[in-house]
Amino acid sequence: MKGAYAVFGAGSFGSKVASELSDAGHQVVVVDCDREAVMAIREKVTEALVADVSNPDVIRELDVKKFDAIIMGMSSHFEDLILALTLIKQEGAKNIYVKSNSAIQKRILLRLGADHVIQPDQDVAERLCAKLSMSKISDMFEFKGSFIAEVGIPEKMINKTIRSLDIRNKYNITILLVKKPGQEMTTVWDPNMVLQSEDRLVVIGSEKAIIDVFK
């Protein structure tokens, strides 16, 4: 099911988010005071408006309650960002994502009612460090509150059966798929399957549990 999203701010962050959402088939409305920025994005989204989202009349006219989420990429104009966040909260907006430039901005924005605060540089750095530290985990992404990951077989699991490892009961991790060398990924039907060092698994569970078990 496709959604409806509003993006406040058509800078590099906002325009990228808006373009990606639009390419995925969602309805996207972009709002920015900068006419040139709006003109640059207007052909890529459902609607692009030149307006000041720190103005109460603009927020009321946008009817922010109708959007599945609002993404605010205005971190370089922090005073306007605070005003806009306060206004959309008053108008009943839900799922508010806000870009911040610092830890103190993040704390302020969360206190003012932002649902999610993004620090792009810090988030990228953390993901990179996590990836470099997880030699057995080649890919991991969030899915409806859990995480799905493709993992290698740690030494402690080699030559053990899936049944004997019992990772579902011990760690609340479920093995979805297994790939043997030279074969396609397949569903795990046999709990007595023996895992070998070259096997790959696709698992689902909490991020912490997957990292603890497979790092």
N, C-alpha and C. Protein backbone atom coordinates (compact mmCIF):
# COMPACT_ATOMS: atom_id res chain seq x y z
N MET A 1 0.85 -1.20 0.00
CA MET A 1 0.00 0.00 0.00
C MET A 1 0.88 1.25 0.00
N LYS A 2 0.65 2.14 -0.95
CA LYS A 2 1.45 3.35 -1.05
C LYS A 2 0.95 4.40 -0.07
N GLY A 3 1.88 5.27 0.35
CA GLY A 3 1.54 6.26 1.35
C GLY A 3 1.61 7.68 0.84
N ALA A 4 1.31 8.61 1.75
CA ALA A 4 1.38 10.04 1.45
C ALA A 4 2.32 10.69 2.45
N TYR A 5 3.31 11.41 1.93
CA TYR A 5 4.35 11.98 2.79
C TYR A 5 4.57 13.45 2.46
N ALA A 6 4.91 14.21 3.50
CA ALA A 6 5.30 15.60 3.33
C ALA A 6 6.76 15.75 3.71
N VAL A 7 7.51 16.46 2.89
CA VAL A 7 8.92 16.72 3.17
C VAL A 7 9.09 18.23 3.29
N PHE A 8 9.51 18.68 4.47
CA PHE A 8 9.76 20.11 4.70
C PHE A 8 11.25 20.36 4.53
N GLY A 9 11.60 21.14 3.52
CA GLY A 9 13.00 21.40 3.25
C GLY A 9 13.45 20.65 2.01
N ALA A 10 13.90 21.39 0.99
CA ALA A 10 14.30 20.77 -0.28
C ALA A 10 15.80 20.87 -0.51
N GLY A 11 16.55 20.82 0.58
CA GLY A 11 18.01 20.77 0.46
C GLY A 11 18.45 19.38 0.03
N SER A 12 19.73 19.09 0.19
CA SER A 12 20.25 17.80 -0.29
C SER A 12 19.59 16.63 0.41
N PHE A 13 19.36 16.73 1.72
CA PHE A 13 18.72 15.65 2.47
C PHE A 13 17.25 15.51 2.07
N GLY A 14 16.51 16.61 2.14
CA GLY A 14 15.08 16.57 1.85
C GLY A 14 14.78 16.16 0.43
N SER A 15 15.54 16.67 -0.53
CA SER A 15 15.28 16.34 -1.93
C SER A 15 15.58 14.87 -2.21
N LYS A 16 16.60 14.33 -1.55
CA LYS A 16 16.92 12.91 -1.73
C LYS A 16 15.82 12.03 -1.17
N VAL A 17 15.36 12.35 0.04
CA VAL A 17 14.27 11.58 0.64
C VAL A 17 13.02 11.66 -0.22
N ALA A 18 12.69 12.87 -0.67
CA ALA A 18 11.49 13.07 -1.49
C ALA A 18 11.58 12.28 -2.79
N SER A 19 12.72 12.33 -3.45
CA SER A 19 12.89 11.62 -4.72
C SER A 19 12.77 10.11 -4.53
N GLU A 20 13.38 9.59 -3.48
CA GLU A 20 13.34 8.14 -3.23
C GLU A 20 11.91 7.68 -2.92
N LEU A 21 11.20 8.45 -2.11
CA LEU A 21 9.81 8.10 -1.80
C LEU A 21 8.94 8.15 -3.05
N SER A 22 9.15 9.17 -3.86
CA SER A 22 8.37 9.31 -5.09
C SER A 22 8.68 8.17 -6.05
N ASP A 23 9.95 7.81 -6.18
CA ASP A 23 10.34 6.71 -7.07
C ASP A 23 9.72 5.39 -6.62
N ALA A 24 9.47 5.28 -5.31
CA ALA A 24 8.85 4.07 -4.78
C ALA A 24 7.33 4.06 -4.97
N GLY A 25 6.80 5.11 -5.57
CA GLY A 25 5.38 5.15 -5.88
C GLY A 25 4.50 5.87 -4.88
N HIS A 26 5.10 6.52 -3.90
CA HIS A 26 4.32 7.24 -2.89
C HIS A 26 3.97 8.65 -3.37
N GLN A 27 2.93 9.21 -2.78
CA GLN A 27 2.59 10.61 -3.00
C GLN A 27 3.47 11.46 -2.09
N VAL A 28 4.14 12.45 -2.67
CA VAL A 28 5.08 13.26 -1.90
C VAL A 28 4.84 14.73 -2.16
N VAL A 29 4.66 15.48 -1.08
CA VAL A 29 4.54 16.93 -1.16
C VAL A 29 5.78 17.55 -0.51
N VAL A 30 6.46 18.40 -1.25
CA VAL A 30 7.66 19.07 -0.75
C VAL A 30 7.36 20.54 -0.53
N VAL A 31 7.81 21.08 0.60
CA VAL A 31 7.59 22.48 0.92
C VAL A 31 8.91 23.13 1.34
N ASP A 32 9.20 24.28 0.74
CA ASP A 32 10.43 25.00 1.07
C ASP A 32 10.23 26.48 0.72
N CYS A 33 10.92 27.35 1.45
CA CYS A 33 10.87 28.79 1.15
C CYS A 33 11.69 29.16 -0.08
N ASP A 34 12.65 28.32 -0.41
CA ASP A 34 13.58 28.60 -1.51
C ASP A 34 12.95 28.20 -2.84
N ARG A 35 12.59 29.20 -3.65
CA ARG A 35 11.93 28.92 -4.93
C ARG A 35 12.79 28.07 -5.85
N GLU A 36 14.09 28.35 -5.90
CA GLU A 36 14.96 27.57 -6.79
C GLU A 36 15.00 26.10 -6.39
N ALA A 37 15.05 25.84 -5.09
CA ALA A 37 15.07 24.46 -4.61
C ALA A 37 13.77 23.75 -4.94
N VAL A 38 12.66 24.46 -4.80
CA VAL A 38 11.35 23.88 -5.12
C VAL A 38 11.24 23.58 -6.61
N MET A 39 11.69 24.52 -7.44
CA MET A 39 11.64 24.30 -8.88
C MET A 39 12.49 23.10 -9.30
N ALA A 40 13.61 22.88 -8.59
CA ALA A 40 14.50 21.78 -8.93
C ALA A 40 13.90 20.41 -8.63
N ILE A 41 12.99 20.35 -7.67
CA ILE A 41 12.43 19.06 -7.25
C ILE A 41 11.03 18.81 -7.79
N ARG A 42 10.35 19.83 -8.32
CA ARG A 42 8.92 19.74 -8.60
C ARG A 42 8.56 18.67 -9.62
N GLU A 43 9.44 18.37 -10.58
CA GLU A 43 9.12 17.36 -11.59
C GLU A 43 9.28 15.95 -11.05
N LYS A 44 9.88 15.81 -9.87
CA LYS A 44 10.17 14.48 -9.33
C LYS A 44 9.16 14.02 -8.28
N VAL A 45 8.26 14.93 -7.86
CA VAL A 45 7.34 14.61 -6.77
C VAL A 45 5.91 14.97 -7.16
N THR A 46 4.98 14.60 -6.30
CA THR A 46 3.56 14.87 -6.57
C THR A 46 3.27 16.36 -6.61
N GLU A 47 3.81 17.09 -5.63
CA GLU A 47 3.57 18.53 -5.54
C GLU A 47 4.74 19.18 -4.82
N ALA A 48 5.13 20.36 -5.28
CA ALA A 48 6.19 21.11 -4.63
C ALA A 48 5.71 22.54 -4.43
N LEU A 49 5.80 23.02 -3.20
CA LEU A 49 5.23 24.32 -2.85
C LEU A 49 6.29 25.25 -2.30
N VAL A 50 6.22 26.52 -2.70
CA VAL A 50 7.05 27.56 -2.11
C VAL A 50 6.25 28.16 -0.96
N ALA A 51 6.65 27.85 0.26
CA ALA A 51 5.89 28.31 1.43
C ALA A 51 6.78 28.21 2.67
N ASP A 52 6.36 28.92 3.71
CA ASP A 52 7.09 28.96 4.98
C ASP A 52 6.35 28.09 6.00
N VAL A 53 6.91 26.94 6.34
CA VAL A 53 6.21 26.02 7.24
C VAL A 53 6.27 26.45 8.70
N SER A 54 6.94 27.57 9.00
CA SER A 54 6.87 28.13 10.35
C SER A 54 5.68 29.09 10.48
N ASN A 55 4.89 29.22 9.41
CA ASN A 55 3.69 30.05 9.39
C ASN A 55 2.47 29.20 9.71
N PRO A 56 1.72 29.52 10.76
CA PRO A 56 0.56 28.71 11.14
C PRO A 56 -0.46 28.54 10.02
N ASP A 57 -0.67 29.57 9.21
CA ASP A 57 -1.64 29.47 8.12
C ASP A 57 -1.22 28.42 7.09
N VAL A 58 0.08 28.35 6.81
CA VAL A 58 0.59 27.36 5.86
C VAL A 58 0.36 25.95 6.40
N ILE A 59 0.62 25.73 7.67
CA ILE A 59 0.45 24.40 8.27
C ILE A 59 -1.01 23.99 8.25
N ARG A 60 -1.90 24.93 8.57
CA ARG A 60 -3.34 24.59 8.53
C ARG A 60 -3.79 24.25 7.12
N GLU A 61 -3.30 24.99 6.14
CA GLU A 61 -3.68 24.74 4.75
C GLU A 61 -3.16 23.39 4.25
N LEU A 62 -2.00 22.98 4.75
CA LEU A 62 -1.44 21.69 4.34
C LEU A 62 -2.23 20.50 4.87
N ASP A 63 -2.98 20.70 5.95
CA ASP A 63 -3.76 19.61 6.58
C ASP A 63 -2.82 18.44 6.89
N VAL A 64 -1.89 18.68 7.80
CA VAL A 64 -0.80 17.73 8.06
C VAL A 64 -1.28 16.38 8.57
N LYS A 65 -2.50 16.29 9.10
CA LYS A 65 -3.00 15.02 9.63
C LYS A 65 -3.16 13.97 8.53
N LYS A 66 -3.27 14.39 7.28
CA LYS A 66 -3.53 13.44 6.19
C LYS A 66 -2.29 12.67 5.77
N PHE A 67 -1.11 13.10 6.21
CA PHE A 67 0.12 12.45 5.77
C PHE A 67 0.47 11.28 6.68
N ASP A 68 1.01 10.22 6.08
CA ASP A 68 1.45 9.07 6.88
C ASP A 68 2.69 9.41 7.70
N ALA A 69 3.49 10.33 7.20
CA ALA A 69 4.65 10.80 7.95
C ALA A 69 5.08 12.14 7.39
N ILE A 70 5.74 12.92 8.24
CA ILE A 70 6.32 14.19 7.82
C ILE A 70 7.81 14.14 8.09
N ILE A 71 8.60 14.45 7.08
CA ILE A 71 10.06 14.46 7.21
C ILE A 71 10.52 15.90 7.16
N MET A 72 11.22 16.32 8.21
CA MET A 72 11.65 17.71 8.34
C MET A 72 13.16 17.78 8.18
N GLY A 73 13.60 18.33 7.04
CA GLY A 73 15.02 18.43 6.76
C GLY A 73 15.54 19.84 6.84
N MET A 74 15.13 20.57 7.86
CA MET A 74 15.41 22.01 7.96
C MET A 74 16.43 22.31 9.05
N SER A 75 17.35 21.42 9.32
CA SER A 75 18.22 21.55 10.49
C SER A 75 19.12 22.78 10.46
N SER A 76 19.37 23.34 9.28
CA SER A 76 20.21 24.54 9.21
C SER A 76 19.44 25.80 9.59
N HIS A 77 18.13 25.69 9.75
CA HIS A 77 17.28 26.81 10.19
C HIS A 77 16.54 26.35 11.45
N PHE A 78 17.30 26.24 12.55
CA PHE A 78 16.78 25.55 13.72
C PHE A 78 15.58 26.25 14.36
N GLU A 79 15.58 27.57 14.37
CA GLU A 79 14.45 28.30 14.96
C GLU A 79 13.17 28.02 14.17
N ASP A 80 13.26 28.07 12.84
CA ASP A 80 12.10 27.76 12.00
C ASP A 80 11.68 26.30 12.18
N LEU A 81 12.65 25.42 12.36
CA LEU A 81 12.36 24.01 12.56
C LEU A 81 11.56 23.80 13.83
N ILE A 82 11.96 24.46 14.91
CA ILE A 82 11.23 24.35 16.18
C ILE A 82 9.80 24.86 16.03
N LEU A 83 9.64 26.01 15.38
CA LEU A 83 8.30 26.56 15.19
C LEU A 83 7.43 25.62 14.36
N ALA A 84 7.99 25.09 13.27
CA ALA A 84 7.22 24.20 12.41
C ALA A 84 6.85 22.92 13.13
N LEU A 85 7.79 22.35 13.90
CA LEU A 85 7.51 21.13 14.66
C LEU A 85 6.39 21.38 15.67
N THR A 86 6.44 22.49 16.37
CA THR A 86 5.40 22.82 17.35
C THR A 86 4.04 22.94 16.67
N LEU A 87 4.02 23.59 15.51
CA LEU A 87 2.75 23.80 14.80
C LEU A 87 2.16 22.49 14.29
N ILE A 88 2.99 21.63 13.72
CA ILE A 88 2.42 20.38 13.17
C ILE A 88 1.97 19.44 14.28
N LYS A 89 2.63 19.50 15.44
CA LYS A 89 2.16 18.72 16.59
C LYS A 89 0.79 19.21 17.03
N GLN A 90 0.62 20.52 17.06
CA GLN A 90 -0.67 21.10 17.46
C GLN A 90 -1.78 20.71 16.49
N GLU A 91 -1.42 20.54 15.21
CA GLU A 91 -2.42 20.20 14.19
C GLU A 91 -2.63 18.69 14.04
N GLY A 92 -1.98 17.90 14.89
CA GLY A 92 -2.25 16.47 14.91
C GLY A 92 -1.42 15.62 13.97
N ALA A 93 -0.27 16.12 13.54
CA ALA A 93 0.59 15.33 12.65
C ALA A 93 1.09 14.09 13.38
N LYS A 94 1.29 13.01 12.61
CA LYS A 94 1.80 11.77 13.19
C LYS A 94 3.07 11.35 12.45
N ASN A 95 3.88 10.53 13.12
CA ASN A 95 5.12 10.00 12.53
C ASN A 95 6.00 11.13 11.98
N ILE A 96 6.54 11.91 12.88
CA ILE A 96 7.37 13.05 12.50
C ILE A 96 8.84 12.66 12.58
N TYR A 97 9.52 12.75 11.45
CA TYR A 97 10.95 12.47 11.36
C TYR A 97 11.68 13.81 11.18
N VAL A 98 12.68 14.06 12.01
CA VAL A 98 13.36 15.35 11.97
C VAL A 98 14.87 15.14 11.84
N LYS A 99 15.48 15.89 10.94
CA LYS A 99 16.94 15.87 10.79
C LYS A 99 17.54 16.88 11.74
N SER A 100 18.56 16.46 12.48
CA SER A 100 19.25 17.38 13.38
C SER A 100 20.74 17.39 13.07
N ASN A 101 21.41 18.43 13.54
CA ASN A 101 22.85 18.58 13.29
C ASN A 101 23.71 18.28 14.49
N SER A 102 23.10 18.08 15.66
CA SER A 102 23.90 17.86 16.85
C SER A 102 23.10 17.11 17.90
N ALA A 103 23.80 16.61 18.90
CA ALA A 103 23.15 15.86 19.97
C ALA A 103 22.21 16.75 20.77
N ILE A 104 22.59 18.01 20.99
CA ILE A 104 21.71 18.89 21.77
C ILE A 104 20.44 19.23 20.98
N GLN A 105 20.58 19.42 19.67
CA GLN A 105 19.38 19.60 18.84
C GLN A 105 18.47 18.39 18.95
N LYS A 106 19.06 17.21 18.91
CA LYS A 106 18.28 15.97 19.00
C LYS A 106 17.48 15.94 20.29
N ARG A 107 18.11 16.26 21.41
CA ARG A 107 17.41 16.23 22.71
C ARG A 107 16.26 17.23 22.72
N ILE A 108 16.48 18.41 22.18
CA ILE A 108 15.43 19.44 22.15
C ILE A 108 14.26 18.97 21.28
N LEU A 109 14.57 18.44 20.11
CA LEU A 109 13.53 18.02 19.17
C LEU A 109 12.69 16.88 19.73
N LEU A 110 13.32 15.95 20.42
CA LEU A 110 12.58 14.85 21.03
C LEU A 110 11.66 15.37 22.14
N ARG A 111 12.15 16.32 22.91
CA ARG A 111 11.32 16.90 23.97
C ARG A 111 10.13 17.66 23.40
N LEU A 112 10.30 18.22 22.21
CA LEU A 112 9.21 18.97 21.59
C LEU A 112 8.22 18.08 20.85
N GLY A 113 8.49 16.78 20.82
CA GLY A 113 7.49 15.87 20.26
C GLY A 113 7.85 15.17 18.97
N ALA A 114 9.09 15.32 18.49
CA ALA A 114 9.49 14.56 17.30
C ALA A 114 9.46 13.07 17.63
N ASP A 115 8.96 12.27 16.69
CA ASP A 115 8.92 10.83 16.91
C ASP A 115 10.26 10.17 16.63
N HIS A 116 10.98 10.69 15.66
CA HIS A 116 12.28 10.15 15.28
C HIS A 116 13.19 11.32 14.92
N VAL A 117 14.42 11.30 15.43
CA VAL A 117 15.39 12.34 15.10
C VAL A 117 16.59 11.67 14.43
N ILE A 118 16.95 12.19 13.27
CA ILE A 118 18.00 11.60 12.45
C ILE A 118 19.22 12.51 12.47
N GLN A 119 20.38 11.92 12.74
CA GLN A 119 21.65 12.63 12.60
C GLN A 119 22.44 11.89 11.52
N PRO A 120 22.31 12.30 10.26
CA PRO A 120 22.85 11.51 9.14
C PRO A 120 24.31 11.12 9.28
N ASP A 121 25.19 12.08 9.60
CA ASP A 121 26.62 11.77 9.69
C ASP A 121 26.90 10.76 10.79
N GLN A 122 26.28 10.97 11.95
CA GLN A 122 26.51 10.06 13.07
C GLN A 122 25.91 8.69 12.78
N ASP A 123 24.71 8.66 12.17
CA ASP A 123 24.07 7.39 11.87
C ASP A 123 24.89 6.57 10.88
N VAL A 124 25.42 7.25 9.86
CA VAL A 124 26.26 6.55 8.86
C VAL A 124 27.53 6.02 9.52
N ALA A 125 28.14 6.83 10.37
CA ALA A 125 29.37 6.40 11.05
C ALA A 125 29.11 5.19 11.94
N GLU A 126 27.99 5.18 12.66
CA GLU A 126 27.66 4.06 13.54
C GLU A 126 27.42 2.79 12.73
N ARG A 127 26.71 2.92 11.60
CA ARG A 127 26.45 1.74 10.77
C ARG A 127 27.74 1.19 10.18
N LEU A 128 28.64 2.10 9.78
CA LEU A 128 29.92 1.66 9.22
C LEU A 128 30.73 0.91 10.27
N CYS A 129 30.82 1.47 11.47
CA CYS A 129 31.57 0.81 12.54
C CYS A 129 30.97 -0.55 12.88
N ALA A 130 29.63 -0.60 12.92
CA ALA A 130 28.97 -1.88 13.21
C ALA A 130 29.27 -2.90 12.13
N LYS A 131 29.23 -2.45 10.88
CA LYS A 131 29.50 -3.37 9.77
C LYS A 131 30.92 -3.89 9.81
N LEU A 132 31.87 -3.01 10.09
CA LEU A 132 33.27 -3.42 10.15
C LEU A 132 33.53 -4.37 11.32
N SER A 133 32.70 -4.29 12.34
CA SER A 133 32.87 -5.14 13.53
C SER A 133 32.15 -6.47 13.40
N MET A 134 31.35 -6.65 12.36
CA MET A 134 30.53 -7.85 12.23
C MET A 134 30.98 -8.65 11.01
N SER A 135 32.09 -9.33 11.15
CA SER A 135 32.67 -10.01 9.99
C SER A 135 31.78 -11.11 9.44
N LYS A 136 30.93 -11.69 10.25
CA LYS A 136 30.07 -12.78 9.79
C LYS A 136 28.73 -12.28 9.26
N ILE A 137 28.44 -10.99 9.43
CA ILE A 137 27.15 -10.44 9.03
C ILE A 137 27.36 -9.57 7.80
N SER A 138 26.88 -10.05 6.65
CA SER A 138 27.14 -9.33 5.40
C SER A 138 26.07 -8.30 5.09
N ASP A 139 24.88 -8.47 5.63
CA ASP A 139 23.81 -7.51 5.35
C ASP A 139 22.76 -7.62 6.45
N MET A 140 22.21 -6.48 6.86
CA MET A 140 21.17 -6.49 7.89
C MET A 140 20.29 -5.27 7.71
N PHE A 141 18.96 -5.47 7.82
CA PHE A 141 18.05 -4.34 7.69
C PHE A 141 16.84 -4.56 8.60
N GLU A 142 16.21 -3.44 8.95
CA GLU A 142 15.06 -3.48 9.85
C GLU A 142 13.81 -3.88 9.08
N PHE A 143 12.97 -4.68 9.72
CA PHE A 143 11.71 -5.12 9.10
C PHE A 143 10.65 -5.24 10.18
N LYS A 144 9.74 -4.26 10.22
CA LYS A 144 8.60 -4.28 11.13
C LYS A 144 9.01 -4.54 12.59
N GLY A 145 10.04 -3.82 13.03
CA GLY A 145 10.46 -3.91 14.42
C GLY A 145 11.51 -4.96 14.72
N SER A 146 11.72 -5.89 13.79
CA SER A 146 12.79 -6.88 13.93
C SER A 146 13.86 -6.59 12.88
N PHE A 147 14.89 -7.43 12.85
CA PHE A 147 15.95 -7.27 11.87
C PHE A 147 16.15 -8.58 11.12
N ILE A 148 16.33 -8.45 9.80
CA ILE A 148 16.65 -9.60 8.96
C ILE A 148 18.10 -9.45 8.53
N ALA A 149 18.86 -10.52 8.63
CA ALA A 149 20.28 -10.45 8.30
C ALA A 149 20.72 -11.70 7.55
N GLU A 150 21.70 -11.51 6.66
CA GLU A 150 22.39 -12.64 6.06
C GLU A 150 23.70 -12.83 6.81
N VAL A 151 23.92 -14.04 7.31
CA VAL A 151 25.06 -14.27 8.20
C VAL A 151 25.84 -15.50 7.77
N GLY A 152 27.11 -15.50 8.15
CA GLY A 152 27.94 -16.68 8.00
C GLY A 152 27.83 -17.55 9.23
N ILE A 153 28.49 -18.69 9.20
CA ILE A 153 28.42 -19.63 10.32
C ILE A 153 29.62 -19.41 11.25
N PRO A 154 29.39 -18.97 12.48
CA PRO A 154 30.51 -18.81 13.41
C PRO A 154 31.09 -20.18 13.79
N GLU A 155 32.31 -20.15 14.23
CA GLU A 155 33.03 -21.40 14.51
C GLU A 155 32.27 -22.30 15.48
N LYS A 156 31.60 -21.69 16.47
CA LYS A 156 30.90 -22.50 17.49
C LYS A 156 29.71 -23.26 16.94
N MET A 157 29.26 -22.93 15.70
CA MET A 157 28.11 -23.61 15.12
C MET A 157 28.49 -24.64 14.05
N ILE A 158 29.75 -24.66 13.67
CA ILE A 158 30.17 -25.56 12.59
C ILE A 158 30.01 -27.01 13.04
N ASN A 159 29.46 -27.82 12.13
CA ASN A 159 29.22 -29.26 12.36
C ASN A 159 28.16 -29.53 13.43
N LYS A 160 27.33 -28.50 13.70
CA LYS A 160 26.21 -28.67 14.63
C LYS A 160 24.91 -28.68 13.83
N THR A 161 23.90 -29.40 14.32
CA THR A 161 22.60 -29.39 13.66
C THR A 161 21.81 -28.17 14.12
N ILE A 162 20.87 -27.75 13.29
CA ILE A 162 20.00 -26.63 13.65
C ILE A 162 19.21 -26.95 14.92
N ARG A 163 18.79 -28.21 15.03
CA ARG A 163 18.04 -28.61 16.22
C ARG A 163 18.89 -28.46 17.48
N SER A 164 20.12 -28.92 17.42
CA SER A 164 20.96 -28.89 18.62
C SER A 164 21.34 -27.46 19.02
N LEU A 165 21.45 -26.57 18.05
CA LEU A 165 21.77 -25.18 18.37
C LEU A 165 20.62 -24.47 19.06
N ASP A 166 19.40 -24.79 18.64
CA ASP A 166 18.18 -24.29 19.29
C ASP A 166 18.21 -22.77 19.47
N ILE A 167 18.65 -22.05 18.43
CA ILE A 167 18.80 -20.60 18.59
C ILE A 167 17.47 -19.87 18.70
N ARG A 168 16.39 -20.51 18.24
CA ARG A 168 15.09 -19.84 18.36
C ARG A 168 14.67 -19.72 19.82
N ASN A 169 14.85 -20.79 20.58
CA ASN A 169 14.47 -20.74 21.99
C ASN A 169 15.50 -20.02 22.84
N LYS A 170 16.78 -20.17 22.48
CA LYS A 170 17.83 -19.56 23.30
C LYS A 170 17.96 -18.06 23.07
N TYR A 171 17.79 -17.62 21.80
CA TYR A 171 18.07 -16.23 21.47
C TYR A 171 16.91 -15.52 20.76
N ASN A 172 15.81 -16.22 20.56
CA ASN A 172 14.66 -15.68 19.83
C ASN A 172 15.05 -15.24 18.41
N ILE A 173 15.90 -16.05 17.78
CA ILE A 173 16.31 -15.84 16.40
C ILE A 173 15.78 -16.99 15.56
N THR A 174 15.12 -16.66 14.47
CA THR A 174 14.58 -17.69 13.58
C THR A 174 15.39 -17.76 12.29
N ILE A 175 15.76 -18.98 11.89
CA ILE A 175 16.45 -19.17 10.61
C ILE A 175 15.40 -19.27 9.51
N LEU A 176 15.45 -18.34 8.56
CA LEU A 176 14.47 -18.31 7.48
C LEU A 176 14.93 -19.12 6.27
N LEU A 177 16.22 -18.95 5.90
CA LEU A 177 16.75 -19.58 4.70
C LEU A 177 18.17 -20.06 4.95
N VAL A 178 18.59 -21.03 4.16
CA VAL A 178 19.97 -21.50 4.23
C VAL A 178 20.51 -21.63 2.81
N LYS A 179 21.78 -21.33 2.64
CA LYS A 179 22.44 -21.48 1.34
C LYS A 179 23.68 -22.34 1.51
N LYS A 180 23.67 -23.50 0.86
CA LYS A 180 24.83 -24.36 0.83
C LYS A 180 25.70 -23.96 -0.36
N PRO A 181 27.00 -24.19 -0.31
CA PRO A 181 27.88 -23.84 -1.43
C PRO A 181 27.39 -24.45 -2.74
N GLY A 182 27.31 -23.60 -3.78
CA GLY A 182 26.90 -24.07 -5.10
C GLY A 182 25.41 -24.27 -5.27
N GLN A 183 24.61 -23.91 -4.23
CA GLN A 183 23.16 -24.08 -4.28
C GLN A 183 22.45 -22.75 -4.08
N GLU A 184 21.16 -22.73 -4.41
CA GLU A 184 20.36 -21.54 -4.17
C GLU A 184 19.91 -21.49 -2.71
N MET A 185 19.51 -20.30 -2.27
CA MET A 185 18.91 -20.16 -0.95
C MET A 185 17.63 -21.00 -0.88
N THR A 186 17.45 -21.78 0.17
CA THR A 186 16.25 -22.59 0.33
C THR A 186 15.71 -22.47 1.75
N THR A 187 14.44 -22.78 1.91
CA THR A 187 13.83 -22.81 3.23
C THR A 187 14.40 -23.98 4.04
N VAL A 188 14.53 -23.77 5.32
CA VAL A 188 15.03 -24.84 6.20
C VAL A 188 13.87 -25.74 6.60
N TRP A 189 13.85 -26.95 6.04
CA TRP A 189 12.80 -27.90 6.37
C TRP A 189 13.26 -28.93 7.40
N ASP A 190 14.54 -29.24 7.40
CA ASP A 190 15.05 -30.33 8.23
C ASP A 190 15.85 -29.77 9.41
N PRO A 191 15.33 -29.87 10.63
CA PRO A 191 16.05 -29.35 11.79
C PRO A 191 17.33 -30.11 12.10
N ASN A 192 17.51 -31.28 11.45
CA ASN A 192 18.73 -32.06 11.65
C ASN A 192 19.81 -31.70 10.63
N MET A 193 19.57 -30.66 9.84
CA MET A 193 20.58 -30.20 8.89
C MET A 193 21.84 -29.78 9.64
N VAL A 194 22.99 -30.23 9.17
CA VAL A 194 24.27 -29.89 9.79
C VAL A 194 24.84 -28.65 9.10
N LEU A 195 25.22 -27.69 9.89
CA LEU A 195 25.78 -26.45 9.34
C LEU A 195 27.28 -26.60 9.14
N GLN A 196 27.74 -26.13 7.98
CA GLN A 196 29.15 -26.18 7.64
C GLN A 196 29.72 -24.77 7.54
N SER A 197 31.02 -24.66 7.51
CA SER A 197 31.68 -23.36 7.59
C SER A 197 31.35 -22.44 6.41
N GLU A 198 31.05 -23.01 5.23
CA GLU A 198 30.78 -22.20 4.04
C GLU A 198 29.30 -21.87 3.85
N ASP A 199 28.46 -22.35 4.74
CA ASP A 199 27.02 -22.09 4.62
C ASP A 199 26.71 -20.63 4.93
N ARG A 200 25.58 -20.16 4.39
CA ARG A 200 25.07 -18.83 4.71
C ARG A 200 23.63 -18.98 5.18
N LEU A 201 23.24 -18.19 6.16
CA LEU A 201 21.88 -18.21 6.69
C LEU A 201 21.24 -16.84 6.53
N VAL A 202 19.92 -16.82 6.37
CA VAL A 202 19.13 -15.60 6.52
C VAL A 202 18.29 -15.79 7.77
N VAL A 203 18.45 -14.87 8.72
CA VAL A 203 17.79 -15.01 10.02
C VAL A 203 17.00 -13.76 10.34
N ILE A 204 16.06 -13.90 11.29
CA ILE A 204 15.29 -12.75 11.76
C ILE A 204 15.27 -12.77 13.28
N GLY A 205 15.43 -11.59 13.88
CA GLY A 205 15.43 -11.47 15.33
C GLY A 205 15.75 -10.04 15.71
N SER A 206 16.10 -9.81 16.95
CA SER A 206 16.48 -8.46 17.36
C SER A 206 17.89 -8.17 16.87
N GLU A 207 18.19 -6.89 16.65
CA GLU A 207 19.52 -6.50 16.19
C GLU A 207 20.59 -6.97 17.17
N LYS A 208 20.35 -6.76 18.46
CA LYS A 208 21.35 -7.13 19.47
C LYS A 208 21.60 -8.63 19.46
N ALA A 209 20.51 -9.42 19.40
CA ALA A 209 20.67 -10.87 19.45
C ALA A 209 21.47 -11.37 18.24
N ILE A 210 21.15 -10.84 17.05
CA ILE A 210 21.86 -11.28 15.85
C ILE A 210 23.33 -10.94 15.94
N ILE A 211 23.64 -9.73 16.40
CA ILE A 211 25.05 -9.32 16.53
C ILE A 211 25.77 -10.19 17.56
N ASP A 212 25.11 -10.43 18.70
CA ASP A 212 25.74 -11.22 19.77
C ASP A 212 26.04 -12.65 19.29
N VAL A 213 25.14 -13.24 18.51
CA VAL A 213 25.28 -14.64 18.11
C VAL A 213 26.19 -14.82 16.92
N PHE A 214 26.12 -13.87 15.96
CA PHE A 214 26.79 -14.09 14.67
C PHE A 214 27.95 -13.14 14.37
N LYS A 215 28.29 -12.24 15.27
CA LYS A 215 29.34 -11.27 14.96
C LYS A 215 30.68 -11.96 14.72
